[in-house]
């Protein structure tokens, strides 16, 4: 579910006019660090900014908590690639066996029909 779906129309700025500053936090643009600038635009309410900042902080904490080294990621990728190749090979073998079985069954059915006609 997207973030916009969770916010009420007044928080999204639908009911509020652009000139209203009663609920907006006033701060000079020069004081805002580039990483703190919101991508949603200047109309974002303080509540929405706090919610997005909290979600971002949670995401960063989760990423740090579950972080793996580059060698672990590479080893996992290699293992998954080998497993994928093995599964593909097994699937191909099973499909070939099924095709052979199907062809054999069709030959038997045709030969049974020929025998009945004789």
PDB file of N, CA and C in Angstrom:
ATOM      1  N   UNK A   1       0.857  -1.161   0.000  1.00  0.00           N
ATOM      2  CA  UNK A   1       0.000   0.000   0.000  1.00  0.00           C
ATOM      3  C   UNK A   1       0.903   1.223   0.000  1.00  0.00           C
ATOM      4  N   UNK A   2       0.622   2.164  -0.817  1.00  0.00           N
ATOM      5  CA  UNK A   2       1.471   3.341  -0.913  1.00  0.00           C
ATOM      6  C   UNK A   2       1.217   4.277   0.249  1.00  0.00           C
ATOM      7  N   UNK A   3       2.180   5.147   0.452  1.00  0.00           N
ATOM      8  CA  UNK A   3       2.091   6.089   1.560  1.00  0.00           C
ATOM      9  C   UNK A   3       0.925   7.043   1.380  1.00  0.00           C
ATOM     10  N   UNK A   4       0.656   7.457   0.169  1.00  0.00           N
ATOM     11  CA  UNK A   4      -0.406   8.422  -0.090  1.00  0.00           C
ATOM     12  C   UNK A   4      -1.756   7.848   0.292  1.00  0.00           C
ATOM     13  N   UNK A   5      -1.928   6.556   0.161  1.00  0.00           N
ATOM     14  CA  UNK A   5      -3.200   5.940   0.509  1.00  0.00           C
ATOM     15  C   UNK A   5      -3.452   6.017   2.014  1.00  0.00           C
ATOM     16  N   UNK A   6      -2.381   6.092   2.820  1.00  0.00           N
ATOM     17  CA  UNK A   6      -2.538   6.111   4.259  1.00  0.00           C
ATOM     18  C   UNK A   6      -2.852   7.499   4.801  1.00  0.00           C
ATOM     19  N   UNK A   7      -2.558   8.538   4.043  1.00  0.00           N
ATOM     20  CA  UNK A   7      -2.725   9.899   4.526  1.00  0.00           C
ATOM     21  C   UNK A   7      -4.103  10.430   4.170  1.00  0.00           C
ATOM     22  N   UNK A   8      -4.661  11.216   5.064  1.00  0.00           N
ATOM     23  CA  UNK A   8      -5.967  11.811   4.800  1.00  0.00           C
ATOM     24  C   UNK A   8      -5.825  12.916   3.762  1.00  0.00           C
ATOM     25  N   UNK A   9      -6.917  13.325   3.120  1.00  0.00           N
ATOM     26  CA  UNK A   9      -6.835  14.389   2.111  1.00  0.00           C
ATOM     27  C   UNK A   9      -6.244  15.679   2.656  1.00  0.00           C
ATOM     28  N   UNK A  10      -6.539  16.010   3.911  1.00  0.00           N
ATOM     29  CA  UNK A  10      -5.993  17.261   4.453  1.00  0.00           C
ATOM     30  C   UNK A  10      -4.486  17.170   4.627  1.00  0.00           C
ATOM     31  N   UNK A  11      -3.973  15.989   4.950  1.00  0.00           N
ATOM     32  CA  UNK A  11      -2.531  15.824   5.094  1.00  0.00           C
ATOM     33  C   UNK A  11      -1.858  15.884   3.738  1.00  0.00           C
ATOM     34  N   UNK A  12      -2.506  15.333   2.715  1.00  0.00           N
ATOM     35  CA  UNK A  12      -1.930  15.365   1.370  1.00  0.00           C
ATOM     36  C   UNK A  12      -1.989  16.761   0.779  1.00  0.00           C
ATOM     37  N   UNK A  13      -2.723  17.658   1.365  1.00  0.00           N
ATOM     38  CA  UNK A  13      -2.800  19.020   0.865  1.00  0.00           C
ATOM     39  C   UNK A  13      -3.939  19.241  -0.106  1.00  0.00           C
ATOM     40  N   UNK A  14      -4.883  18.313  -0.169  1.00  0.00           N
ATOM     41  CA  UNK A  14      -5.982  18.451  -1.112  1.00  0.00           C
ATOM     42  C   UNK A  14      -6.919  19.570  -0.695  1.00  0.00           C
ATOM     43  N   UNK A  15      -7.261  19.658   0.581  1.00  0.00           N
ATOM     44  CA  UNK A  15      -8.215  20.659   1.045  1.00  0.00           C
ATOM     45  C   UNK A  15      -7.540  21.990   1.372  1.00  0.00           C
ATOM     46  N   UNK A  16      -6.247  21.993   1.523  1.00  0.00           N
ATOM     47  CA  UNK A  16      -5.518  23.175   1.941  1.00  0.00           C
ATOM     48  C   UNK A  16      -5.065  23.966   0.727  1.00  0.00           C
ATOM     49  N   UNK A  17      -5.152  25.264   0.808  1.00  0.00           N
ATOM     50  CA  UNK A  17      -4.682  26.083  -0.316  1.00  0.00           C
ATOM     51  C   UNK A  17      -3.172  26.207  -0.232  1.00  0.00           C
ATOM     52  N   UNK A  18      -2.543  26.518  -1.361  1.00  0.00           N
ATOM     53  CA  UNK A  18      -1.085  26.611  -1.412  1.00  0.00           C
ATOM     54  C   UNK A  18      -0.553  27.785  -0.595  1.00  0.00           C
ATOM     55  N   UNK A  19      -1.359  28.821  -0.385  1.00  0.00           N
ATOM     56  CA  UNK A  19      -0.877  30.003   0.321  1.00  0.00           C
ATOM     57  C   UNK A  19      -0.992  29.861   1.827  1.00  0.00           C
ATOM     58  N   UNK A  20      -1.707  28.880   2.299  1.00  0.00           N
ATOM     59  CA  UNK A  20      -1.879  28.702   3.730  1.00  0.00           C
ATOM     60  C   UNK A  20      -0.584  28.199   4.350  1.00  0.00           C
ATOM     61  N   UNK A  21      -0.145  28.851   5.402  1.00  0.00           N
ATOM     62  CA  UNK A  21       1.060  28.417   6.101  1.00  0.00           C
ATOM     63  C   UNK A  21       0.761  28.048   7.537  1.00  0.00           C
ATOM     64  N   UNK A  22      -0.508  27.934   7.878  1.00  0.00           N
ATOM     65  CA  UNK A  22      -0.868  27.686   9.269  1.00  0.00           C
ATOM     66  C   UNK A  22      -0.379  26.324   9.744  1.00  0.00           C
ATOM     67  N   UNK A  23      -0.376  25.324   8.884  1.00  0.00           N
ATOM     68  CA  UNK A  23       0.026  23.983   9.298  1.00  0.00           C
ATOM     69  C   UNK A  23       1.387  23.593   8.760  1.00  0.00           C
ATOM     70  N   UNK A  24       1.974  24.447   7.927  1.00  0.00           N
ATOM     71  CA  UNK A  24       3.275  24.131   7.361  1.00  0.00           C
ATOM     72  C   UNK A  24       4.376  24.598   8.297  1.00  0.00           C
ATOM     73  N   UNK A  25       5.438  23.851   8.316  1.00  0.00           N
ATOM     74  CA  UNK A  25       6.590  24.257   9.090  1.00  0.00           C
ATOM     75  C   UNK A  25       7.392  25.236   8.247  1.00  0.00           C
ATOM     76  N   UNK A  26       7.657  26.407   8.791  1.00  0.00           N
ATOM     77  CA  UNK A  26       8.399  27.418   8.056  1.00  0.00           C
ATOM     78  C   UNK A  26       9.872  27.300   8.410  1.00  0.00           C
ATOM     79  N   UNK A  27      10.689  27.068   7.389  1.00  0.00           N
ATOM     80  CA  UNK A  27      12.124  27.049   7.598  1.00  0.00           C
ATOM     81  C   UNK A  27      12.789  27.487   6.314  1.00  0.00           C
ATOM     82  N   UNK A  28      13.892  28.182   6.403  1.00  0.00           N
ATOM     83  CA  UNK A  28      14.567  28.630   5.188  1.00  0.00           C
ATOM     84  C   UNK A  28      15.133  27.440   4.424  1.00  0.00           C
ATOM     85  N   UNK A  29      15.111  27.540   3.103  1.00  0.00           N
ATOM     86  CA  UNK A  29      15.608  26.451   2.262  1.00  0.00           C
ATOM     87  C   UNK A  29      17.094  26.227   2.433  1.00  0.00           C
ATOM     88  N   UNK A  30      17.846  27.241   2.803  1.00  0.00           N
ATOM     89  CA  UNK A  30      19.291  27.107   2.933  1.00  0.00           C
ATOM     90  C   UNK A  30      19.665  26.211   4.106  1.00  0.00           C
ATOM     91  N   UNK A  31      18.817  26.119   5.124  1.00  0.00           N
ATOM     92  CA  UNK A  31      19.125  25.313   6.298  1.00  0.00           C
ATOM     93  C   UNK A  31      18.869  23.830   6.083  1.00  0.00           C
ATOM     94  N   UNK A  32      18.232  23.453   5.006  1.00  0.00           N
ATOM     95  CA  UNK A  32      17.853  22.066   4.773  1.00  0.00           C
ATOM     96  C   UNK A  32      18.999  21.346   4.087  1.00  0.00           C
ATOM     97  N   UNK A  33      19.459  20.275   4.713  1.00  0.00           N
ATOM     98  CA  UNK A  33      20.513  19.465   4.103  1.00  0.00           C
ATOM     99  C   UNK A  33      19.928  18.708   2.925  1.00  0.00           C
ATOM    100  N   UNK A  34      20.729  18.417   1.888  1.00  0.00           N
ATOM    101  CA  UNK A  34      20.193  17.724   0.704  1.00  0.00           C
ATOM    102  C   UNK A  34      19.550  16.388   1.027  1.00  0.00           C
ATOM    103  N   UNK A  35      20.079  15.659   2.018  1.00  0.00           N
ATOM    104  CA  UNK A  35      19.488  14.368   2.341  1.00  0.00           C
ATOM    105  C   UNK A  35      18.164  14.502   3.085  1.00  0.00           C
ATOM    106  N   UNK A  36      17.876  15.713   3.628  1.00  0.00           N
ATOM    107  CA  UNK A  36      16.631  15.915   4.344  1.00  0.00           C
ATOM    108  C   UNK A  36      15.518  16.480   3.475  1.00  0.00           C
ATOM    109  N   UNK A  37      15.844  16.886   2.260  1.00  0.00           N
ATOM    110  CA  UNK A  37      14.821  17.446   1.386  1.00  0.00           C
ATOM    111  C   UNK A  37      13.824  16.369   1.023  1.00  0.00           C
ATOM    112  N   UNK A  38      12.565  16.707   1.051  1.00  0.00           N
ATOM    113  CA  UNK A  38      11.540  15.732   0.719  1.00  0.00           C
ATOM    114  C   UNK A  38      11.328  15.722  -0.784  1.00  0.00           C
ATOM    115  N   UNK A  39      11.117  14.534  -1.322  1.00  0.00           N
ATOM    116  CA  UNK A  39      10.893  14.400  -2.758  1.00  0.00           C
ATOM    117  C   UNK A  39       9.431  14.640  -3.114  1.00  0.00           C
ATOM    118  N   UNK A  40       8.561  14.747  -2.124  1.00  0.00           N
ATOM    119  CA  UNK A  40       7.137  14.919  -2.393  1.00  0.00           C
ATOM    120  C   UNK A  40       6.781  16.363  -2.709  1.00  0.00           C
ATOM    121  N   UNK A  41       7.688  17.280  -2.489  1.00  0.00           N
ATOM    122  CA  UNK A  41       7.419  18.666  -2.832  1.00  0.00           C
ATOM    123  C   UNK A  41       7.274  19.538  -1.615  1.00  0.00           C
ATOM    124  N   UNK A  42       7.090  20.829  -1.862  1.00  0.00           N
ATOM    125  CA  UNK A  42       7.022  21.807  -0.784  1.00  0.00           C
ATOM    126  C   UNK A  42       5.686  21.769  -0.060  1.00  0.00           C
ATOM    127  N   UNK A  43       4.677  21.124  -0.609  1.00  0.00           N
ATOM    128  CA  UNK A  43       3.350  21.091  -0.001  1.00  0.00           C
ATOM    129  C   UNK A  43       3.227  20.060   1.115  1.00  0.00           C
ATOM    130  N   UNK A  44       4.267  19.290   1.366  1.00  0.00           N
ATOM    131  CA  UNK A  44       4.164  18.209   2.332  1.00  0.00           C
ATOM    132  C   UNK A  44       3.981  18.766   3.743  1.00  0.00           C
ATOM    133  N   UNK A  45       3.048  18.199   4.448  1.00  0.00           N
ATOM    134  CA  UNK A  45       2.761  18.654   5.811  1.00  0.00           C
ATOM    135  C   UNK A  45       3.854  18.161   6.757  1.00  0.00           C
ATOM    136  N   UNK A  46       3.972  18.792   7.903  1.00  0.00           N
ATOM    137  CA  UNK A  46       4.951  18.333   8.889  1.00  0.00           C
ATOM    138  C   UNK A  46       4.688  16.893   9.329  1.00  0.00           C
ATOM    139  N   UNK A  47       3.423  16.532   9.454  1.00  0.00           N
ATOM    140  CA  UNK A  47       3.091  15.158   9.840  1.00  0.00           C
ATOM    141  C   UNK A  47       3.588  14.170   8.797  1.00  0.00           C
ATOM    142  N   UNK A  48       3.323  14.463   7.526  1.00  0.00           N
ATOM    143  CA  UNK A  48       3.769  13.564   6.461  1.00  0.00           C
ATOM    144  C   UNK A  48       5.284  13.474   6.439  1.00  0.00           C
ATOM    145  N   UNK A  49       5.958  14.590   6.662  1.00  0.00           N
ATOM    146  CA  UNK A  49       7.421  14.567   6.712  1.00  0.00           C
ATOM    147  C   UNK A  49       7.907  13.688   7.854  1.00  0.00           C
ATOM    148  N   UNK A  50       7.274  13.814   9.030  1.00  0.00           N
ATOM    149  CA  UNK A  50       7.679  12.987  10.171  1.00  0.00           C
ATOM    150  C   UNK A  50       7.449  11.511   9.880  1.00  0.00           C
ATOM    151  N   UNK A  51       6.310  11.187   9.276  1.00  0.00           N
ATOM    152  CA  UNK A  51       6.005   9.791   8.956  1.00  0.00           C
ATOM    153  C   UNK A  51       7.025   9.246   7.973  1.00  0.00           C
ATOM    154  N   UNK A  52       7.304   9.995   6.920  1.00  0.00           N
ATOM    155  CA  UNK A  52       8.277   9.531   5.933  1.00  0.00           C
ATOM    156  C   UNK A  52       9.668   9.410   6.537  1.00  0.00           C
ATOM    157  N   UNK A  53      10.048  10.364   7.378  1.00  0.00           N
ATOM    158  CA  UNK A  53      11.365  10.300   8.014  1.00  0.00           C
ATOM    159  C   UNK A  53      11.455   9.081   8.924  1.00  0.00           C
ATOM    160  N   UNK A  54      10.371   8.800   9.693  1.00  0.00           N
ATOM    161  CA  UNK A  54      10.376   7.630  10.570  1.00  0.00           C
ATOM    162  C   UNK A  54      10.474   6.341   9.755  1.00  0.00           C
ATOM    163  N   UNK A  55       9.726   6.256   8.666  1.00  0.00           N
ATOM    164  CA  UNK A  55       9.797   5.068   7.812  1.00  0.00           C
ATOM    165  C   UNK A  55      11.186   4.906   7.210  1.00  0.00           C
ATOM    166  N   UNK A  56      11.786   6.025   6.813  1.00  0.00           N
ATOM    167  CA  UNK A  56      13.139   5.967   6.261  1.00  0.00           C
ATOM    168  C   UNK A  56      14.125   5.472   7.321  1.00  0.00           C
ATOM    169  N   UNK A  57      14.011   5.995   8.541  1.00  0.00           N
ATOM    170  CA  UNK A  57      14.895   5.557   9.621  1.00  0.00           C
ATOM    171  C   UNK A  57      14.725   4.069   9.907  1.00  0.00           C
ATOM    172  N   UNK A  58      13.474   3.594   9.896  1.00  0.00           N
ATOM    173  CA  UNK A  58      13.232   2.162  10.095  1.00  0.00           C
ATOM    174  C   UNK A  58      13.877   1.347   8.984  1.00  0.00           C
ATOM    175  N   UNK A  59      13.762   1.832   7.765  1.00  0.00           N
ATOM    176  CA  UNK A  59      14.356   1.133   6.630  1.00  0.00           C
ATOM    177  C   UNK A  59      15.871   1.061   6.776  1.00  0.00           C
ATOM    178  N   UNK A  60      16.488   2.175   7.171  1.00  0.00           N
ATOM    179  CA  UNK A  60      17.944   2.201   7.336  1.00  0.00           C
ATOM    180  C   UNK A  60      18.367   1.245   8.442  1.00  0.00           C
ATOM    181  N   UNK A  61      17.642   1.251   9.569  1.00  0.00           N
ATOM    182  CA  UNK A  61      17.978   0.332  10.665  1.00  0.00           C
ATOM    183  C   UNK A  61      17.853  -1.121  10.209  1.00  0.00           C
ATOM    184  N   UNK A  62      16.801  -1.434   9.457  1.00  0.00           N
ATOM    185  CA  UNK A  62      16.626  -2.795   8.959  1.00  0.00           C
ATOM    186  C   UNK A  62      17.759  -3.180   8.012  1.00  0.00           C
ATOM    187  N   UNK A  63      18.127  -2.259   7.120  1.00  0.00           N
ATOM    188  CA  UNK A  63      19.195  -2.543   6.162  1.00  0.00           C
ATOM    189  C   UNK A  63      20.518  -2.791   6.878  1.00  0.00           C
ATOM    190  N   UNK A  64      20.804  -1.996   7.905  1.00  0.00           N
ATOM    191  CA  UNK A  64      22.039  -2.185   8.666  1.00  0.00           C
ATOM    192  C   UNK A  64      21.983  -3.496   9.439  1.00  0.00           C
ATOM    193  N   UNK A  65      20.830  -3.807  10.011  1.00  0.00           N
ATOM    194  CA  UNK A  65      20.675  -5.028  10.797  1.00  0.00           C
ATOM    195  C   UNK A  65      20.855  -6.280   9.941  1.00  0.00           C
ATOM    196  N   UNK A  66      20.367  -6.261   8.720  1.00  0.00           N
ATOM    197  CA  UNK A  66      20.405  -7.448   7.865  1.00  0.00           C
ATOM    198  C   UNK A  66      21.517  -7.395   6.832  1.00  0.00           C
ATOM    199  N   UNK A  67      22.434  -6.452   6.984  1.00  0.00           N
ATOM    200  CA  UNK A  67      23.485  -6.272   5.977  1.00  0.00           C
ATOM    201  C   UNK A  67      24.409  -7.483   5.931  1.00  0.00           C
ATOM    202  N   UNK A  68      24.845  -7.801   4.734  1.00  0.00           N
ATOM    203  CA  UNK A  68      25.816  -8.858   4.505  1.00  0.00           C
ATOM    204  C   UNK A  68      27.009  -8.257   3.785  1.00  0.00           C
ATOM    205  N   UNK A  69      28.126  -8.915   3.922  1.00  0.00           N
ATOM    206  CA  UNK A  69      29.304  -8.424   3.216  1.00  0.00           C
ATOM    207  C   UNK A  69      29.174  -8.738   1.730  1.00  0.00           C
ATOM    208  N   UNK A  70      29.989  -8.080   0.932  1.00  0.00           N
ATOM    209  CA  UNK A  70      29.936  -8.286  -0.520  1.00  0.00           C
ATOM    210  C   UNK A  70      30.295  -9.721  -0.872  1.00  0.00           C
ATOM    211  N   UNK A  71      31.226 -10.327  -0.139  1.00  0.00           N
ATOM    212  CA  UNK A  71      31.611 -11.710  -0.436  1.00  0.00           C
ATOM    213  C   UNK A  71      30.465 -12.670  -0.118  1.00  0.00           C
ATOM    214  N   UNK A  72      29.702 -12.387   0.956  1.00  0.00           N
ATOM    215  CA  UNK A  72      28.538 -13.227   1.275  1.00  0.00           C
ATOM    216  C   UNK A  72      27.483 -13.128   0.185  1.00  0.00           C
ATOM    217  N   UNK A  73      27.259 -11.922  -0.293  1.00  0.00           N
ATOM    218  CA  UNK A  73      26.274 -11.720  -1.356  1.00  0.00           C
ATOM    219  C   UNK A  73      26.720 -12.437  -2.624  1.00  0.00           C
ATOM    220  N   UNK A  74      28.009 -12.343  -2.961  1.00  0.00           N
ATOM    221  CA  UNK A  74      28.530 -13.013  -4.159  1.00  0.00           C
ATOM    222  C   UNK A  74      28.422 -14.530  -4.017  1.00  0.00           C
ATOM    223  N   UNK A  75      28.731 -15.055  -2.835  1.00  0.00           N
ATOM    224  CA  UNK A  75      28.631 -16.499  -2.610  1.00  0.00           C
ATOM    225  C   UNK A  75      27.181 -16.959  -2.729  1.00  0.00           C
ATOM    226  N   UNK A  76      26.258 -16.183  -2.160  1.00  0.00           N
ATOM    227  CA  UNK A  76      24.837 -16.523  -2.279  1.00  0.00           C
ATOM    228  C   UNK A  76      24.380 -16.482  -3.729  1.00  0.00           C
ATOM    229  N   UNK A  77      24.855 -15.498  -4.476  1.00  0.00           N
ATOM    230  CA  UNK A  77      24.479 -15.395  -5.891  1.00  0.00           C
ATOM    231  C   UNK A  77      25.001 -16.595  -6.668  1.00  0.00           C
ATOM    232  N   UNK A  78      26.237 -17.006  -6.394  1.00  0.00           N
ATOM    233  CA  UNK A  78      26.795 -18.184  -7.071  1.00  0.00           C
ATOM    234  C   UNK A  78      26.011 -19.442  -6.716  1.00  0.00           C
ATOM    235  N   UNK A  79      25.683 -19.583  -5.438  1.00  0.00           N
ATOM    236  CA  UNK A  79      24.919 -20.756  -4.998  1.00  0.00           C
ATOM    237  C   UNK A  79      23.546 -20.786  -5.664  1.00  0.00           C
ATOM    238  N   UNK A  80      22.887 -19.639  -5.718  1.00  0.00           N
ATOM    239  CA  UNK A  80      21.576 -19.579  -6.360  1.00  0.00           C
ATOM    240  C   UNK A  80      21.671 -19.854  -7.850  1.00  0.00           C
ATOM    241  N   UNK A  81      22.738 -19.382  -8.496  1.00  0.00           N
ATOM    242  CA  UNK A  81      22.923 -19.645  -9.926  1.00  0.00           C
ATOM    243  C   UNK A  81      23.111 -21.139 -10.174  1.00  0.00           C
ATOM    244  N   UNK A  82      23.933 -21.798  -9.341  1.00  0.00           N
ATOM    245  CA  UNK A  82      24.133 -23.248  -9.490  1.00  0.00           C
ATOM    246  C   UNK A  82      22.827 -24.003  -9.260  1.00  0.00           C
ATOM    247  N   UNK A  83      22.075 -23.585  -8.246  1.00  0.00           N
ATOM    248  CA  UNK A  83      20.798 -24.242  -7.957  1.00  0.00           C
ATOM    249  C   UNK A  83      19.831 -24.055  -9.123  1.00  0.00           C
ATOM    250  N   UNK A  84      19.800 -22.864  -9.699  1.00  0.00           N
ATOM    251  CA  UNK A  84      18.931 -22.598 -10.845  1.00  0.00           C
ATOM    252  C   UNK A  84      19.315 -23.489 -12.023  1.00  0.00           C
ATOM    253  N   UNK A  85      20.621 -23.602 -12.300  1.00  0.00           N
ATOM    254  CA  UNK A  85      21.067 -24.448 -13.412  1.00  0.00           C
ATOM    255  C   UNK A  85      20.712 -25.912 -13.164  1.00  0.00           C
ATOM    256  N   UNK A  86      20.868 -26.363 -11.913  1.00  0.00           N
ATOM    257  CA  UNK A  86      20.521 -27.742 -11.578  1.00  0.00           C
ATOM    258  C   UNK A  86      19.024 -27.987 -11.754  1.00  0.00           C
ATOM    259  N   UNK A  87      18.203 -27.064 -11.276  1.00  0.00           N
ATOM    260  CA  UNK A  87      16.752 -27.210 -11.432  1.00  0.00           C
ATOM    261  C   UNK A  87      16.343 -27.194 -12.897  1.00  0.00           C
ATOM    262  N   UNK A  88      16.973 -26.331 -13.683  1.00  0.00           N
ATOM    263  CA  UNK A  88      16.670 -26.272 -15.110  1.00  0.00           C
ATOM    264  C   UNK A  88      17.050 -27.578 -15.802  1.00  0.00           C
ATOM    265  N   UNK A  89      18.196 -28.137 -15.424  1.00  0.00           N
ATOM    266  CA  UNK A  89      18.622 -29.408 -16.015  1.00  0.00           C
ATOM    267  C   UNK A  89      17.659 -30.534 -15.626  1.00  0.00           C
ATOM    268  N   UNK A  90      17.261 -30.580 -14.348  1.00  0.00           N
ATOM    269  CA  UNK A  90      16.306 -31.612 -13.921  1.00  0.00           C
ATOM    270  C   UNK A  90      14.973 -31.455 -14.632  1.00  0.00           C
ATOM    271  N   UNK A  91      14.513 -30.225 -14.784  1.00  0.00           N
ATOM    272  CA  UNK A  91      13.257 -29.971 -15.479  1.00  0.00           C
ATOM    273  C   UNK A  91      13.350 -30.437 -16.929  1.00  0.00           C
ATOM    274  N   UNK A  92      14.464 -30.117 -17.580  1.00  0.00           N
ATOM    275  CA  UNK A  92      14.652 -30.523 -18.978  1.00  0.00           C
ATOM    276  C   UNK A  92      14.648 -32.042 -19.103  1.00  0.00           C
ATOM    277  N   UNK A  93      15.331 -32.726 -18.191  1.00  0.00           N
ATOM    278  CA  UNK A  93      15.355 -34.193 -18.226  1.00  0.00           C
ATOM    279  C   UNK A  93      13.955 -34.777 -18.023  1.00  0.00           C
ATOM    280  N   UNK A  94      13.213 -34.217 -17.063  1.00  0.00           N
ATOM    281  CA  UNK A  94      11.854 -34.716 -16.816  1.00  0.00           C
ATOM    282  C   UNK A  94      10.947 -34.463 -18.014  1.00  0.00           C
ATOM    283  N   UNK A  95      11.065 -33.289 -18.623  1.00  0.00           N
ATOM    284  CA  UNK A  95      10.238 -32.987 -19.792  1.00  0.00           C
ATOM    285  C   UNK A  95      10.584 -33.904 -20.958  1.00  0.00           C
ATOM    286  N   UNK A  96      11.870 -34.180 -21.159  1.00  0.00           N
ATOM    287  CA  UNK A  96      12.267 -35.110 -22.223  1.00  0.00           C
ATOM    288  C   UNK A  96      11.708 -36.502 -21.959  1.00  0.00           C
ATOM    289  N   UNK A  97      11.764 -36.950 -20.709  1.00  0.00           N
ATOM    290  CA  UNK A  97      11.217 -38.265 -20.362  1.00  0.00           C
ATOM    291  C   UNK A  97       9.705 -38.292 -20.594  1.00  0.00           C
ATOM    292  N   UNK A  98       9.016 -37.218 -20.231  1.00  0.00           N
ATOM    293  CA  UNK A  98       7.570 -37.155 -20.466  1.00  0.00           C
ATOM    294  C   UNK A  98       7.245 -37.163 -21.957  1.00  0.00           C
ATOM    295  N   UNK A  99       8.019 -36.445 -22.758  1.00  0.00           N
ATOM    296  CA  UNK A  99       7.804 -36.434 -24.209  1.00  0.00           C
ATOM    297  C   UNK A  99       8.003 -37.835 -24.793  1.00  0.00           C
ATOM    298  N   UNK A 100       9.032 -38.528 -24.323  1.00  0.00           N
ATOM    299  CA  UNK A 100       9.270 -39.899 -24.801  1.00  0.00           C
ATOM    300  C   UNK A 100       8.122 -40.813 -24.394  1.00  0.00           C
ATOM    301  N   UNK A 101       7.658 -40.667 -23.148  1.00  0.00           N
ATOM    302  CA  UNK A 101       6.528 -41.465 -22.670  1.00  0.00           C
ATOM    303  C   UNK A 101       5.276 -41.195 -23.498  1.00  0.00           C
ATOM    304  N   UNK A 102       5.021 -39.932 -23.785  1.00  0.00           N
ATOM    305  CA  UNK A 102       3.857 -39.558 -24.573  1.00  0.00           C
ATOM    306  C   UNK A 102       3.948 -40.130 -25.988  1.00  0.00           C
ATOM    307  N   UNK A 103       5.114 -40.040 -26.596  1.00  0.00           N
ATOM    308  CA  UNK A 103       5.290 -40.592 -27.948  1.00  0.00           C
ATOM    309  C   UNK A 103       5.092 -42.108 -27.935  1.00  0.00           C
ATOM    310  N   UNK A 104       5.612 -42.781 -26.908  1.00  0.00           N
ATOM    311  CA  UNK A 104       5.451 -44.236 -26.802  1.00  0.00           C
ATOM    312  C   UNK A 104       3.978 -44.596 -26.629  1.00  0.00           C
ATOM    313  N   UNK A 105       3.266 -43.827 -25.779  1.00  0.00           N
ATOM    314  CA  UNK A 105       1.839 -44.091 -25.562  1.00  0.00           C
ATOM    315  C   UNK A 105       1.050 -43.894 -26.853  1.00  0.00           C
ATOM    316  N   UNK A 106       1.376 -42.858 -27.601  1.00  0.00           N
ATOM    317  CA  UNK A 106       0.678 -42.621 -28.872  1.00  0.00           C
ATOM    318  C   UNK A 106       0.937 -43.749 -29.864  1.00  0.00           C
ATOM    319  N   UNK A 107       2.175 -44.239 -29.898  1.00  0.00           N
ATOM    320  CA  UNK A 107       2.474 -45.367 -30.797  1.00  0.00           C
ATOM    321  C   UNK A 107       1.685 -46.601 -30.394  1.00  0.00           C
ATOM    322  N   UNK A 108       1.590 -46.853 -29.081  1.00  0.00           N
ATOM    323  CA  UNK A 108       0.840 -48.016 -28.609  1.00  0.00           C
ATOM    324  C   UNK A 108      -0.642 -47.893 -28.948  1.00  0.00           C
ATOM    325  N   UNK A 109      -1.193 -46.687 -28.804  1.00  0.00           N
ATOM    326  CA  UNK A 109      -2.607 -46.475 -29.123  1.00  0.00           C
ATOM    327  C   UNK A 109      -2.832 -46.698 -30.610  1.00  0.00           C
ATOM    328  N   UNK A 110      -1.936 -46.157 -31.449  1.00  0.00           N
ATOM    329  CA  UNK A 110      -2.082 -46.349 -32.900  1.00  0.00           C
ATOM    330  C   UNK A 110      -1.975 -47.823 -33.281  1.00  0.00           C
ATOM    331  N   UNK A 111      -1.019 -48.528 -32.655  1.00  0.00           N
ATOM    332  CA  UNK A 111      -0.870 -49.949 -32.991  1.00  0.00           C
ATOM    333  C   UNK A 111      -2.078 -50.749 -32.498  1.00  0.00           C
ATOM    334  N   UNK A 112      -2.674 -50.356 -31.364  1.00  0.00           N
ATOM    335  CA  UNK A 112      -3.864 -51.050 -30.869  1.00  0.00           C
ATOM    336  C   UNK A 112      -5.038 -50.817 -31.812  1.00  0.00           C
ATOM    337  N   UNK A 113      -5.166 -49.605 -32.365  1.00  0.00           N
ATOM    338  CA  UNK A 113      -6.232 -49.322 -33.324  1.00  0.00           C
ATOM    339  C   UNK A 113      -6.036 -50.134 -34.598  1.00  0.00           C
ATOM    340  N   UNK A 114      -4.808 -50.257 -35.040  1.00  0.00           N
ATOM    341  CA  UNK A 114      -4.521 -51.028 -36.257  1.00  0.00           C
ATOM    342  C   UNK A 114      -4.857 -52.492 -36.026  1.00  0.00           C
ATOM    343  N   UNK A 115      -4.511 -53.008 -34.861  1.00  0.00           N
ATOM    344  CA  UNK A 115      -4.784 -54.416 -34.556  1.00  0.00           C
ATOM    345  C   UNK A 115      -6.290 -54.659 -34.507  1.00  0.00           C
ATOM    346  N   UNK A 116      -7.074 -53.719 -33.946  1.00  0.00           N
ATOM    347  CA  UNK A 116      -8.523 -53.876 -33.888  1.00  0.00           C
ATOM    348  C   UNK A 116      -9.137 -53.880 -35.284  1.00  0.00           C
ATOM    349  N   UNK A 117      -8.566 -53.078 -36.174  1.00  0.00           N
ATOM    350  CA  UNK A 117      -9.115 -53.000 -37.525  1.00  0.00           C
ATOM    351  C   UNK A 117      -8.848 -54.275 -38.313  1.00  0.00           C
ATOM    352  N   UNK A 118      -7.862 -55.014 -37.948  1.00  0.00           N
ATOM    353  CA  UNK A 118      -7.528 -56.238 -38.688  1.00  0.00           C
ATOM    354  C   UNK A 118      -8.389 -57.369 -38.290  1.00  0.00           C
TER     355      UNK A 118
END
